[in-house]
Amino acid sequence: MADGGVGAGGRMAWIRPRAGERKPVDLKTDQPHTARMYDYFLGGKDNFPADREAGQRAMAGAPDIARAIRANRAFLVRAARYLAAEAGIRQFLDIGTGIPTSPNLHEVAQAITPDARVVYVDNDPLVLAHARALLTSTSAGRTAYLDADLRDIDAILAAPELRDTLDLSQPVALSVLAILHFLPDTEAGEPFTLVRRLLDALPAGSYLVVSHGTPDFAPAISEQGAAAYRAGGIAVQLRRRDEFAHFFDGLELVDPGIVPVHRWRPDTAPADAAGASVVPGRTTKAGTGVDEDGLTEAEIDDFLADDPSGIATAGLADSQVNMYGAVGRFR
């Protein structure tokens, strides 16, 4: 990828190599990867045999894992809508973005507030290869992609991609979705410390959005799914509700608090009842292309109503989802 270029309407499209020119990257396609497995569960095509085999092993132990992944994406959409429409948030920092899956965060936020600014952060080379799909913004707003690791907080906070896109003196919504369960505890309590360091850089009025796998509802099934990841060399640590709650220490939880992701402010519109699903790899409405005005709310509803895999999220039991979600306000 080249250094940041200029996007439509003169907006800077940031994709910058870290510390010099990037060397060719080995995607390690013979090994499963969390982002590619996630893409596989969503019905996407950006995955390889090792990812599909690991995904199939996970589904053998946890048959509803694909439904849980879709429920997590639907949670992202509802949380983004709440933050943009009701909380008045105009800036978003999404860490652990994964392979672009429409509607992306900026499409949801900018459909409500066109001047919204979004920075995506991920360190997976395949996500980087698709980053251009995340840099389609409205003319009033802005998006940027930062190639960085969640564990390198200093690099994230100092990056020009972030500093030139977000004003950290104004409220920011920090989202860390379905990624923290891949960070085991250390003596320093690494995932909790990382989230706290990010929050400490944000002003009062900012928000935190987290989703995380849990064994609370179906311990045996959840552990079988986690074991399939571990068998592929991917660390997993599921956390119970009281552990998950520590991510929100000192924050004011938005109603309904800590709940399974499909129970967080579920939509009552027919689109959600029919199955709030997502369309991997699509960044436009089929056949229309992308213009600088982005997607409308009606188009996003169309995406959510479309369920090409036939796997819907409506009517799921907690024991099928096995993932907590919550939104908290930093006072």
C-alpha atoms as a PDB file:
ATOM      1  CA  MET A   1       0.000   0.000   0.000  1.00  0.00           C
ATOM      2  CA  ALA A   2       1.164   3.527  -0.660  1.00  0.00           C
ATOM      3  CA  ASP A   3       1.233   6.326   1.862  1.00  0.00           C
ATOM      4  CA  GLY A   4      -2.009   8.161   2.543  1.00  0.00           C
ATOM      5  CA  GLY A   5      -3.564   9.481  -0.642  1.00  0.00           C
ATOM      6  CA  VAL A   6      -6.381  11.920  -1.235  1.00  0.00           C
ATOM      7  CA  GLY A   7      -9.884  10.500  -1.322  1.00  0.00           C
ATOM      8  CA  ALA A   8     -13.029  11.846  -2.948  1.00  0.00           C
ATOM      9  CA  GLY A   9     -13.845  15.408  -2.031  1.00  0.00           C
ATOM     10  CA  GLY A  10     -10.249  16.058  -0.936  1.00  0.00           C
ATOM     11  CA  ARG A  11     -10.457  13.857   2.167  1.00  0.00           C
ATOM     12  CA  MET A  12      -7.154  12.249   3.116  1.00  0.00           C
ATOM     13  CA  ALA A  13      -7.346   8.470   2.807  1.00  0.00           C
ATOM     14  CA  TRP A  14      -4.780   7.310   5.323  1.00  0.00           C
ATOM     15  CA  ILE A  15      -3.018   3.987   4.836  1.00  0.00           C
ATOM     16  CA  ARG A  16       0.551   4.414   5.978  1.00  0.00           C
ATOM     17  CA  PRO A  17       3.276   1.800   6.459  1.00  0.00           C
ATOM     18  CA  ARG A  18       4.727   1.636   9.928  1.00  0.00           C
ATOM     19  CA  ALA A  19       8.421   2.481  10.212  1.00  0.00           C
ATOM     20  CA  GLY A  20       9.401   2.445   6.552  1.00  0.00           C
ATOM     21  CA  GLU A  21       8.333   0.512   3.513  1.00  0.00           C
ATOM     22  CA  ARG A  22       6.360  -2.632   4.227  1.00  0.00           C
ATOM     23  CA  LYS A  23       7.938  -5.891   3.117  1.00  0.00           C
ATOM     24  CA  PRO A  24       5.849  -8.603   1.453  1.00  0.00           C
ATOM     25  CA  VAL A  25       3.696 -10.241   4.107  1.00  0.00           C
ATOM     26  CA  ASP A  26       3.177 -13.948   4.579  1.00  0.00           C
ATOM     27  CA  LEU A  27      -0.553 -14.377   5.125  1.00  0.00           C
ATOM     28  CA  LYS A  28       0.102 -17.833   6.611  1.00  0.00           C
ATOM     29  CA  THR A  29      -2.845 -19.243   4.761  1.00  0.00           C
ATOM     30  CA  ASP A  30      -2.031 -22.694   6.099  1.00  0.00           C
ATOM     31  CA  GLN A  31      -2.976 -21.494   9.592  1.00  0.00           C
ATOM     32  CA  PRO A  32      -6.430 -20.378  10.754  1.00  0.00           C
ATOM     33  CA  HIS A  33      -6.861 -16.693  11.567  1.00  0.00           C
ATOM     34  CA  THR A  34      -9.581 -15.112  13.690  1.00  0.00           C
ATOM     35  CA  ALA A  35     -10.548 -12.440  11.118  1.00  0.00           C
ATOM     36  CA  ARG A  36     -10.784 -14.970   8.292  1.00  0.00           C
ATOM     37  CA  MET A  37     -12.746 -17.426  10.445  1.00  0.00           C
ATOM     38  CA  TYR A  38     -15.110 -14.579  11.338  1.00  0.00           C
ATOM     39  CA  ASP A  39     -15.491 -13.865   7.625  1.00  0.00           C
ATOM     40  CA  TYR A  40     -16.231 -17.554   7.017  1.00  0.00           C
ATOM     41  CA  PHE A  41     -18.943 -17.573   9.696  1.00  0.00           C
ATOM     42  CA  LEU A  42     -20.525 -14.533   8.021  1.00  0.00           C
ATOM     43  CA  GLY A  43     -20.596 -16.326   4.675  1.00  0.00           C
ATOM     44  CA  GLY A  44     -17.739 -14.294   3.190  1.00  0.00           C
ATOM     45  CA  LYS A  45     -15.138 -15.377   0.647  1.00  0.00           C
ATOM     46  CA  ASP A  46     -11.957 -13.916   2.170  1.00  0.00           C
ATOM     47  CA  ASN A  47     -10.874 -17.106   3.893  1.00  0.00           C
ATOM     48  CA  PHE A  48      -8.778 -20.171   3.165  1.00  0.00           C
ATOM     49  CA  PRO A  49      -9.079 -23.934   3.722  1.00  0.00           C
ATOM     50  CA  ALA A  50      -7.358 -23.737   7.127  1.00  0.00           C
ATOM     51  CA  ASP A  51      -9.880 -21.112   8.244  1.00  0.00           C
ATOM     52  CA  ARG A  52     -12.832 -23.115   6.972  1.00  0.00           C
ATOM     53  CA  GLU A  53     -11.581 -26.315   8.574  1.00  0.00           C
ATOM     54  CA  ALA A  54     -11.126 -24.559  11.916  1.00  0.00           C
ATOM     55  CA  GLY A  55     -14.535 -22.957  11.520  1.00  0.00           C
ATOM     56  CA  GLN A  56     -16.126 -26.314  10.841  1.00  0.00           C
ATOM     57  CA  ARG A  57     -14.473 -27.759  13.948  1.00  0.00           C
ATOM     58  CA  ALA A  58     -15.811 -24.838  15.964  1.00  0.00           C
ATOM     59  CA  MET A  59     -19.315 -25.370  14.572  1.00  0.00           C
ATOM     60  CA  ALA A  60     -19.103 -29.073  15.370  1.00  0.00           C
ATOM     61  CA  GLY A  61     -18.630 -28.191  19.030  1.00  0.00           C
ATOM     62  CA  ALA A  62     -20.734 -25.009  19.060  1.00  0.00           C
ATOM     63  CA  PRO A  63     -23.339 -25.401  16.276  1.00  0.00           C
ATOM     64  CA  ASP A  64     -24.741 -21.876  16.657  1.00  0.00           C
ATOM     65  CA  ILE A  65     -21.454 -19.981  16.484  1.00  0.00           C
ATOM     66  CA  ALA A  66     -22.298 -18.491  13.062  1.00  0.00           C
ATOM     67  CA  ARG A  67     -25.584 -17.173  14.449  1.00  0.00           C
ATOM     68  CA  ALA A  68     -23.692 -15.673  17.381  1.00  0.00           C
ATOM     69  CA  ILE A  69     -21.314 -13.900  14.999  1.00  0.00           C
ATOM     70  CA  ARG A  70     -24.241 -12.433  13.088  1.00  0.00           C
ATOM     71  CA  ALA A  71     -25.841 -11.348  16.357  1.00  0.00           C
ATOM     72  CA  ASN A  72     -22.596  -9.585  17.217  1.00  0.00           C
ATOM     73  CA  ARG A  73     -22.588  -7.680  13.913  1.00  0.00           C
ATOM     74  CA  ALA A  74     -26.211  -6.684  14.435  1.00  0.00           C
ATOM     75  CA  PHE A  75     -25.225  -5.418  17.919  1.00  0.00           C
ATOM     76  CA  LEU A  76     -22.574  -3.227  16.281  1.00  0.00           C
ATOM     77  CA  VAL A  77     -25.188  -1.692  13.984  1.00  0.00           C
ATOM     78  CA  ARG A  78     -27.634  -0.972  16.828  1.00  0.00           C
ATOM     79  CA  ALA A  79     -24.928   0.429  19.096  1.00  0.00           C
ATOM     80  CA  ALA A  80     -23.618   2.703  16.331  1.00  0.00           C
ATOM     81  CA  ARG A  81     -27.131   3.933  15.618  1.00  0.00           C
ATOM     82  CA  TYR A  82     -27.683   4.689  19.303  1.00  0.00           C
ATOM     83  CA  LEU A  83     -24.385   6.541  19.615  1.00  0.00           C
ATOM     84  CA  ALA A  84     -24.914   8.645  16.495  1.00  0.00           C
ATOM     85  CA  ALA A  85     -28.645   9.308  16.819  1.00  0.00           C
ATOM     86  CA  GLU A  86     -29.216   9.484  20.586  1.00  0.00           C
ATOM     87  CA  ALA A  87     -25.855  10.088  22.252  1.00  0.00           C
ATOM     88  CA  GLY A  88     -24.729  12.685  19.716  1.00  0.00           C
ATOM     89  CA  ILE A  89     -21.366  11.024  19.050  1.00  0.00           C
ATOM     90  CA  ARG A  90     -19.564  12.186  15.917  1.00  0.00           C
ATOM     91  CA  GLN A  91     -16.228  10.371  16.357  1.00  0.00           C
ATOM     92  CA  PHE A  92     -15.580   6.631  16.420  1.00  0.00           C
ATOM     93  CA  LEU A  93     -12.478   4.518  17.070  1.00  0.00           C
ATOM     94  CA  ASP A  94     -12.996   0.862  16.110  1.00  0.00           C
ATOM     95  CA  ILE A  95     -10.234  -1.547  17.163  1.00  0.00           C
ATOM     96  CA  GLY A  96     -10.072  -5.074  15.803  1.00  0.00           C
ATOM     97  CA  THR A  97     -12.070  -4.087  12.735  1.00  0.00           C
ATOM     98  CA  GLY A  98     -11.727  -7.289  10.766  1.00  0.00           C
ATOM     99  CA  ILE A  99     -12.442  -7.817   7.073  1.00  0.00           C
ATOM    100  CA  PRO A 100     -14.893  -5.163   5.810  1.00  0.00           C
ATOM    101  CA  THR A 101     -18.496  -6.313   6.133  1.00  0.00           C
ATOM    102  CA  SER A 102     -21.300  -4.021   5.045  1.00  0.00           C
ATOM    103  CA  PRO A 103     -22.843  -2.149   6.678  1.00  0.00           C
ATOM    104  CA  ASN A 104     -19.541  -0.999   8.147  1.00  0.00           C
ATOM    105  CA  LEU A 105     -19.454   1.287  11.162  1.00  0.00           C
ATOM    106  CA  HIS A 106     -18.929   4.457   9.128  1.00  0.00           C
ATOM    107  CA  GLU A 107     -21.846   3.592   6.843  1.00  0.00           C
ATOM    108  CA  VAL A 108     -24.181   3.301   9.827  1.00  0.00           C
ATOM    109  CA  ALA A 109     -22.922   6.437  11.592  1.00  0.00           C
ATOM    110  CA  GLN A 110     -22.751   8.618   8.482  1.00  0.00           C
ATOM    111  CA  ALA A 111     -26.240   7.608   7.393  1.00  0.00           C
ATOM    112  CA  ILE A 112     -27.393   9.362  10.571  1.00  0.00           C
ATOM    113  CA  THR A 113     -24.790  12.111  10.878  1.00  0.00           C
ATOM    114  CA  PRO A 114     -22.875  12.673   7.626  1.00  0.00           C
ATOM    115  CA  ASP A 115     -20.035  14.514   9.384  1.00  0.00           C
ATOM    116  CA  ALA A 116     -19.091  11.471  11.492  1.00  0.00           C
ATOM    117  CA  ARG A 117     -15.402  10.558  11.582  1.00  0.00           C
ATOM    118  CA  VAL A 118     -14.232   6.965  11.976  1.00  0.00           C
ATOM    119  CA  VAL A 119     -10.787   5.431  12.503  1.00  0.00           C
ATOM    120  CA  TYR A 120     -10.463   1.687  11.986  1.00  0.00           C
ATOM    121  CA  VAL A 121      -7.585  -0.224  13.606  1.00  0.00           C
ATOM    122  CA  ASP A 122      -6.393  -3.735  12.781  1.00  0.00           C
ATOM    123  CA  ASN A 123      -3.069  -5.482  12.314  1.00  0.00           C
ATOM    124  CA  ASP A 124      -4.094  -8.297   9.984  1.00  0.00           C
ATOM    125  CA  PRO A 125      -2.470  -7.991   6.525  1.00  0.00           C
ATOM    126  CA  LEU A 126      -5.609  -9.305   4.822  1.00  0.00           C
ATOM    127  CA  VAL A 127      -7.663  -6.562   6.475  1.00  0.00           C
ATOM    128  CA  LEU A 128      -5.063  -4.059   5.278  1.00  0.00           C
ATOM    129  CA  ALA A 129      -5.480  -5.382   1.757  1.00  0.00           C
ATOM    130  CA  HIS A 130      -9.202  -4.570   1.978  1.00  0.00           C
ATOM    131  CA  ALA A 131      -8.746  -1.265   3.786  1.00  0.00           C
ATOM    132  CA  ARG A 132      -9.767   0.830   0.789  1.00  0.00           C
ATOM    133  CA  ALA A 133     -13.298  -0.439   1.313  1.00  0.00           C
ATOM    134  CA  LEU A 134     -13.259   1.248   4.719  1.00  0.00           C
ATOM    135  CA  LEU A 135     -12.174   4.599   3.312  1.00  0.00           C
ATOM    136  CA  THR A 136     -15.377   5.520   1.493  1.00  0.00           C
ATOM    137  CA  SER A 137     -16.758   8.449   3.440  1.00  0.00           C
ATOM    138  CA  THR A 138     -19.417  11.083   3.006  1.00  0.00           C
ATOM    139  CA  SER A 139     -18.079  14.433   1.799  1.00  0.00           C
ATOM    140  CA  ALA A 140     -18.759  15.923   5.249  1.00  0.00           C
ATOM    141  CA  GLY A 141     -17.195  13.082   7.219  1.00  0.00           C
ATOM    142  CA  ARG A 142     -13.967  11.160   7.165  1.00  0.00           C
ATOM    143  CA  THR A 143     -12.606   7.646   7.598  1.00  0.00           C
ATOM    144  CA  ALA A 144      -9.072   6.371   8.160  1.00  0.00           C
ATOM    145  CA  TYR A 145      -7.409   3.000   8.580  1.00  0.00           C
ATOM    146  CA  LEU A 146      -4.546   2.386  11.004  1.00  0.00           C
ATOM    147  CA  ASP A 147      -2.399  -0.737  10.712  1.00  0.00           C
ATOM    148  CA  ALA A 148      -1.609  -1.371  14.386  1.00  0.00           C
ATOM    149  CA  ASP A 149      -1.908  -3.964  17.143  1.00  0.00           C
ATOM    150  CA  LEU A 150      -4.381  -3.528  19.997  1.00  0.00           C
ATOM    151  CA  ARG A 151      -1.548  -4.268  22.405  1.00  0.00           C
ATOM    152  CA  ASP A 152       0.509  -1.319  21.141  1.00  0.00           C
ATOM    153  CA  ILE A 153      -1.501   1.501  22.701  1.00  0.00           C
ATOM    154  CA  ASP A 154       1.269   4.072  22.311  1.00  0.00           C
ATOM    155  CA  ALA A 155       1.443   3.468  18.553  1.00  0.00           C
ATOM    156  CA  ILE A 156      -2.334   3.750  18.198  1.00  0.00           C
ATOM    157  CA  LEU A 157      -2.633   6.994  20.146  1.00  0.00           C
ATOM    158  CA  ALA A 158       0.365   8.632  18.460  1.00  0.00           C
ATOM    159  CA  ALA A 159      -0.530   7.610  14.902  1.00  0.00           C
ATOM    160  CA  PRO A 160      -1.157  10.454  12.431  1.00  0.00           C
ATOM    161  CA  GLU A 161      -4.062   8.447  11.008  1.00  0.00           C
ATOM    162  CA  LEU A 162      -5.804   8.892  14.346  1.00  0.00           C
ATOM    163  CA  ARG A 163      -4.577  12.379  15.244  1.00  0.00           C
ATOM    164  CA  ASP A 164      -5.466  13.837  11.853  1.00  0.00           C
ATOM    165  CA  THR A 165      -8.941  12.307  11.851  1.00  0.00           C
ATOM    166  CA  LEU A 166     -10.204  12.501  15.434  1.00  0.00           C
ATOM    167  CA  ASP A 167     -10.185  15.405  17.885  1.00  0.00           C
ATOM    168  CA  LEU A 168      -9.375  13.748  21.205  1.00  0.00           C
ATOM    169  CA  SER A 169     -10.580  16.810  23.107  1.00  0.00           C
ATOM    170  CA  GLN A 170     -14.112  15.874  21.988  1.00  0.00           C
ATOM    171  CA  PRO A 171     -16.082  12.695  22.853  1.00  0.00           C
ATOM    172  CA  VAL A 172     -15.188   9.515  21.014  1.00  0.00           C
ATOM    173  CA  ALA A 173     -16.942   6.130  20.887  1.00  0.00           C
ATOM    174  CA  LEU A 174     -14.370   3.365  21.361  1.00  0.00           C
ATOM    175  CA  SER A 175     -15.539  -0.038  20.095  1.00  0.00           C
ATOM    176  CA  VAL A 176     -13.680  -3.289  20.796  1.00  0.00           C
ATOM    177  CA  LEU A 177     -15.935  -6.048  19.522  1.00  0.00           C
ATOM    178  CA  ALA A 178     -15.407  -9.807  19.708  1.00  0.00           C
ATOM    179  CA  ILE A 179     -11.635  -9.441  20.075  1.00  0.00           C
ATOM    180  CA  LEU A 180     -10.817  -9.232  23.793  1.00  0.00           C
ATOM    181  CA  HIS A 181     -11.585 -12.916  24.365  1.00  0.00           C
ATOM    182  CA  PHE A 182      -8.512 -13.632  22.236  1.00  0.00           C
ATOM    183  CA  LEU A 183      -6.339 -11.913  24.871  1.00  0.00           C
ATOM    184  CA  PRO A 184      -5.731 -14.140  27.910  1.00  0.00           C
ATOM    185  CA  ASP A 185      -5.199 -12.600  31.326  1.00  0.00           C
ATOM    186  CA  THR A 186      -1.660 -11.887  32.393  1.00  0.00           C
ATOM    187  CA  GLU A 187      -0.290 -10.799  35.750  1.00  0.00           C
ATOM    188  CA  ALA A 188      -0.994  -7.245  34.617  1.00  0.00           C
ATOM    189  CA  GLY A 189      -4.550  -8.124  33.538  1.00  0.00           C
ATOM    190  CA  GLU A 190      -3.644  -7.244  29.952  1.00  0.00           C
ATOM    191  CA  PRO A 191      -7.040  -6.829  28.225  1.00  0.00           C
ATOM    192  CA  PHE A 192      -8.452  -4.735  31.066  1.00  0.00           C
ATOM    193  CA  THR A 193      -5.309  -2.609  31.200  1.00  0.00           C
ATOM    194  CA  LEU A 194      -5.358  -2.043  27.446  1.00  0.00           C
ATOM    195  CA  VAL A 195      -8.969  -0.868  27.449  1.00  0.00           C
ATOM    196  CA  ARG A 196      -8.336   1.401  30.429  1.00  0.00           C
ATOM    197  CA  ARG A 197      -5.319   3.002  28.743  1.00  0.00           C
ATOM    198  CA  LEU A 198      -7.400   3.757  25.670  1.00  0.00           C
ATOM    199  CA  LEU A 199     -10.188   5.240  27.769  1.00  0.00           C
ATOM    200  CA  ASP A 200      -7.710   7.366  29.698  1.00  0.00           C
ATOM    201  CA  ALA A 201      -6.809   9.095  26.431  1.00  0.00           C
ATOM    202  CA  LEU A 202     -10.448  10.044  25.756  1.00  0.00           C
ATOM    203  CA  PRO A 203     -12.394  12.937  27.292  1.00  0.00           C
ATOM    204  CA  ALA A 204     -15.475  12.808  29.482  1.00  0.00           C
ATOM    205  CA  GLY A 205     -18.594  12.081  27.465  1.00  0.00           C
ATOM    206  CA  SER A 206     -16.881   9.341  25.467  1.00  0.00           C
ATOM    207  CA  TYR A 207     -18.357   5.842  25.176  1.00  0.00           C
ATOM    208  CA  LEU A 208     -17.056   2.271  25.287  1.00  0.00           C
ATOM    209  CA  VAL A 209     -18.679  -0.556  23.303  1.00  0.00           C
ATOM    210  CA  VAL A 210     -17.529  -4.124  24.012  1.00  0.00           C
ATOM    211  CA  SER A 211     -18.697  -7.608  23.092  1.00  0.00           C
ATOM    212  CA  HIS A 212     -17.090 -10.745  24.490  1.00  0.00           C
ATOM    213  CA  GLY A 213     -17.585 -14.507  24.519  1.00  0.00           C
ATOM    214  CA  THR A 214     -18.832 -16.078  27.751  1.00  0.00           C
ATOM    215  CA  PRO A 215     -19.346 -19.577  29.190  1.00  0.00           C
ATOM    216  CA  ASP A 216     -22.236 -18.417  31.409  1.00  0.00           C
ATOM    217  CA  PHE A 217     -25.132 -19.840  29.380  1.00  0.00           C
ATOM    218  CA  ALA A 218     -23.776 -23.047  27.847  1.00  0.00           C
ATOM    219  CA  PRO A 219     -20.429 -23.901  29.494  1.00  0.00           C
ATOM    220  CA  ALA A 220     -19.771 -27.172  27.678  1.00  0.00           C
ATOM    221  CA  ILE A 221     -20.713 -25.871  24.220  1.00  0.00           C
ATOM    222  CA  SER A 222     -18.795 -22.619  24.702  1.00  0.00           C
ATOM    223  CA  GLU A 223     -15.688 -24.489  25.788  1.00  0.00           C
ATOM    224  CA  GLN A 224     -15.912 -26.843  22.809  1.00  0.00           C
ATOM    225  CA  GLY A 225     -16.006 -23.854  20.465  1.00  0.00           C
ATOM    226  CA  ALA A 226     -13.068 -22.241  22.270  1.00  0.00           C
ATOM    227  CA  ALA A 227     -11.137 -25.512  22.125  1.00  0.00           C
ATOM    228  CA  ALA A 228     -11.471 -25.564  18.336  1.00  0.00           C
ATOM    229  CA  TYR A 229      -9.761 -22.156  18.190  1.00  0.00           C
ATOM    230  CA  ARG A 230      -7.019 -23.309  20.547  1.00  0.00           C
ATOM    231  CA  ALA A 231      -6.454 -26.392  18.408  1.00  0.00           C
ATOM    232  CA  GLY A 232      -5.636 -24.004  15.566  1.00  0.00           C
ATOM    233  CA  GLY A 233      -3.103 -22.152  17.707  1.00  0.00           C
ATOM    234  CA  ILE A 234      -5.432 -19.271  18.651  1.00  0.00           C
ATOM    235  CA  ALA A 235      -5.581 -18.348  22.335  1.00  0.00           C
ATOM    236  CA  VAL A 236      -9.081 -17.917  23.773  1.00  0.00           C
ATOM    237  CA  GLN A 237     -10.245 -16.907  27.228  1.00  0.00           C
ATOM    238  CA  LEU A 238     -13.997 -16.739  27.731  1.00  0.00           C
ATOM    239  CA  ARG A 239     -15.098 -14.527  30.618  1.00  0.00           C
ATOM    240  CA  ARG A 240     -18.083 -14.568  32.935  1.00  0.00           C
ATOM    241  CA  ARG A 241     -20.385 -11.617  33.509  1.00  0.00           C
ATOM    242  CA  ASP A 242     -18.562 -10.320  36.585  1.00  0.00           C
ATOM    243  CA  GLU A 243     -15.258 -10.430  34.690  1.00  0.00           C
ATOM    244  CA  PHE A 244     -16.764  -8.731  31.628  1.00  0.00           C
ATOM    245  CA  ALA A 245     -18.158  -5.997  33.896  1.00  0.00           C
ATOM    246  CA  HIS A 246     -14.622  -4.913  34.825  1.00  0.00           C
ATOM    247  CA  PHE A 247     -14.176  -3.423  31.369  1.00  0.00           C
ATOM    248  CA  PHE A 248     -16.794  -0.876  32.414  1.00  0.00           C
ATOM    249  CA  ASP A 249     -15.435  -0.008  35.855  1.00  0.00           C
ATOM    250  CA  GLY A 250     -16.077   3.683  36.474  1.00  0.00           C
ATOM    251  CA  LEU A 251     -18.378   4.013  33.462  1.00  0.00           C
ATOM    252  CA  GLU A 252     -22.122   4.582  33.426  1.00  0.00           C
ATOM    253  CA  LEU A 253     -23.791   1.661  31.650  1.00  0.00           C
ATOM    254  CA  VAL A 254     -26.375   2.519  29.020  1.00  0.00           C
ATOM    255  CA  ASP A 255     -29.669   0.639  29.440  1.00  0.00           C
ATOM    256  CA  PRO A 256     -30.158  -2.324  29.351  1.00  0.00           C
ATOM    257  CA  GLY A 257     -26.653  -2.745  30.790  1.00  0.00           C
ATOM    258  CA  ILE A 258     -24.723  -5.992  30.358  1.00  0.00           C
ATOM    259  CA  VAL A 259     -26.803  -8.467  28.347  1.00  0.00           C
ATOM    260  CA  PRO A 260     -26.293 -11.041  25.583  1.00  0.00           C
ATOM    261  CA  VAL A 261     -25.658  -9.072  22.402  1.00  0.00           C
ATOM    262  CA  HIS A 262     -28.980  -9.978  20.776  1.00  0.00           C
ATOM    263  CA  ARG A 263     -30.826  -8.509  23.789  1.00  0.00           C
ATOM    264  CA  TRP A 264     -29.134  -5.102  23.667  1.00  0.00           C
ATOM    265  CA  ARG A 265     -31.878  -2.736  22.439  1.00  0.00           C
ATOM    266  CA  PRO A 266     -33.213  -5.182  19.830  1.00  0.00           C
ATOM    267  CA  ASP A 267     -34.952  -3.641  16.864  1.00  0.00           C
ATOM    268  CA  THR A 268     -38.689  -4.082  16.562  1.00  0.00           C
ATOM    269  CA  ALA A 269     -38.686  -3.361  12.831  1.00  0.00           C
ATOM    270  CA  PRO A 270     -39.475  -6.255  10.474  1.00  0.00           C
ATOM    271  CA  ALA A 271     -35.916  -6.172   9.120  1.00  0.00           C
ATOM    272  CA  ASP A 272     -34.537  -7.313  12.476  1.00  0.00           C
ATOM    273  CA  ALA A 273     -37.314  -9.824  13.020  1.00  0.00           C
ATOM    274  CA  ALA A 274     -36.512 -11.315   9.639  1.00  0.00           C
ATOM    275  CA  GLY A 275     -32.876 -11.681  10.652  1.00  0.00           C
ATOM    276  CA  ALA A 276     -30.382  -8.878  11.206  1.00  0.00           C
ATOM    277  CA  SER A 277     -27.621 -10.195   9.038  1.00  0.00           C
ATOM    278  CA  VAL A 278     -24.706  -8.701   7.196  1.00  0.00           C
ATOM    279  CA  VAL A 279     -23.189  -9.002   3.763  1.00  0.00           C
ATOM    280  CA  PRO A 280     -19.439  -9.694   3.879  1.00  0.00           C
ATOM    281  CA  GLY A 281     -17.264  -7.799   1.448  1.00  0.00           C
ATOM    282  CA  ARG A 282     -20.088  -5.556   0.221  1.00  0.00           C
ATOM    283  CA  THR A 283     -19.524  -1.864   0.600  1.00  0.00           C
ATOM    284  CA  THR A 284     -22.283  -0.717  -1.719  1.00  0.00           C
ATOM    285  CA  LYS A 285     -25.871  -1.564  -2.429  1.00  0.00           C
ATOM    286  CA  ALA A 286     -25.799  -4.145  -5.176  1.00  0.00           C
ATOM    287  CA  GLY A 287     -25.452  -2.529  -8.587  1.00  0.00           C
ATOM    288  CA  THR A 288     -25.441   1.081  -7.372  1.00  0.00           C
ATOM    289  CA  GLY A 289     -21.753   1.802  -6.668  1.00  0.00           C
ATOM    290  CA  VAL A 290     -20.580   4.152  -3.950  1.00  0.00           C
ATOM    291  CA  ASP A 291     -20.974   7.893  -4.167  1.00  0.00           C
ATOM    292  CA  GLU A 292     -19.568  10.356  -1.683  1.00  0.00           C
ATOM    293  CA  ASP A 293     -22.884  10.613   0.123  1.00  0.00           C
ATOM    294  CA  GLY A 294     -22.524   7.018   1.389  1.00  0.00           C
ATOM    295  CA  LEU A 295     -25.421   4.757   2.358  1.00  0.00           C
ATOM    296  CA  THR A 296     -28.818   5.898   3.513  1.00  0.00           C
ATOM    297  CA  GLU A 297     -30.570   4.431   6.553  1.00  0.00           C
ATOM    298  CA  ALA A 298     -33.058   2.750   4.188  1.00  0.00           C
ATOM    299  CA  GLU A 299     -30.192   1.072   2.332  1.00  0.00           C
ATOM    300  CA  ILE A 300     -28.728  -0.175   5.605  1.00  0.00           C
ATOM    301  CA  ASP A 301     -32.134  -1.579   6.509  1.00  0.00           C
ATOM    302  CA  ASP A 302     -32.078  -3.377   3.155  1.00  0.00           C
ATOM    303  CA  PHE A 303     -28.709  -4.883   4.026  1.00  0.00           C
ATOM    304  CA  LEU A 304     -29.948  -5.982   7.428  1.00  0.00           C
ATOM    305  CA  ALA A 305     -33.064  -7.552   5.949  1.00  0.00           C
ATOM    306  CA  ASP A 306     -30.988  -9.521   3.439  1.00  0.00           C
ATOM    307  CA  ASP A 307     -29.963 -12.923   4.796  1.00  0.00           C
ATOM    308  CA  PRO A 308     -28.320 -14.848   1.959  1.00  0.00           C
ATOM    309  CA  SER A 309     -27.214 -17.689   4.228  1.00  0.00           C
ATOM    310  CA  GLY A 310     -30.647 -18.175   5.772  1.00  0.00           C
ATOM    311  CA  ILE A 311     -29.131 -17.805   9.250  1.00  0.00           C
ATOM    312  CA  ALA A 312     -31.203 -15.279  11.176  1.00  0.00           C
ATOM    313  CA  THR A 313     -30.587 -13.757  14.589  1.00  0.00           C
ATOM    314  CA  ALA A 314     -34.213 -13.285  15.611  1.00  0.00           C
ATOM    315  CA  GLY A 315     -35.490 -15.584  18.332  1.00  0.00           C
ATOM    316  CA  LEU A 316     -32.086 -16.784  19.473  1.00  0.00           C
ATOM    317  CA  ALA A 317     -31.615 -18.151  22.967  1.00  0.00           C
ATOM    318  CA  ASP A 318     -28.840 -16.869  25.225  1.00  0.00           C
ATOM    319  CA  SER A 319     -27.286 -20.343  25.124  1.00  0.00           C
ATOM    320  CA  GLN A 320     -26.962 -20.026  21.336  1.00  0.00           C
ATOM    321  CA  VAL A 321     -25.287 -16.621  21.374  1.00  0.00           C
ATOM    322  CA  ASN A 322     -22.935 -16.955  24.363  1.00  0.00           C
ATOM    323  CA  MET A 323     -21.650 -13.421  23.991  1.00  0.00           C
ATOM    324  CA  TYR A 324     -22.135 -10.387  26.209  1.00  0.00           C
ATOM    325  CA  GLY A 325     -22.422  -6.847  24.932  1.00  0.00           C
ATOM    326  CA  ALA A 326     -22.633  -3.484  26.632  1.00  0.00           C
ATOM    327  CA  VAL A 327     -22.210   0.237  26.074  1.00  0.00           C
ATOM    328  CA  GLY A 328     -20.869   2.536  28.780  1.00  0.00           C
ATOM    329  CA  ARG A 329     -20.412   6.297  29.097  1.00  0.00           C
ATOM    330  CA  PHE A 330     -17.161   7.746  30.400  1.00  0.00           C
ATOM    331  CA  ARG A 331     -18.109  10.499  32.854  1.00  0.00           C
END
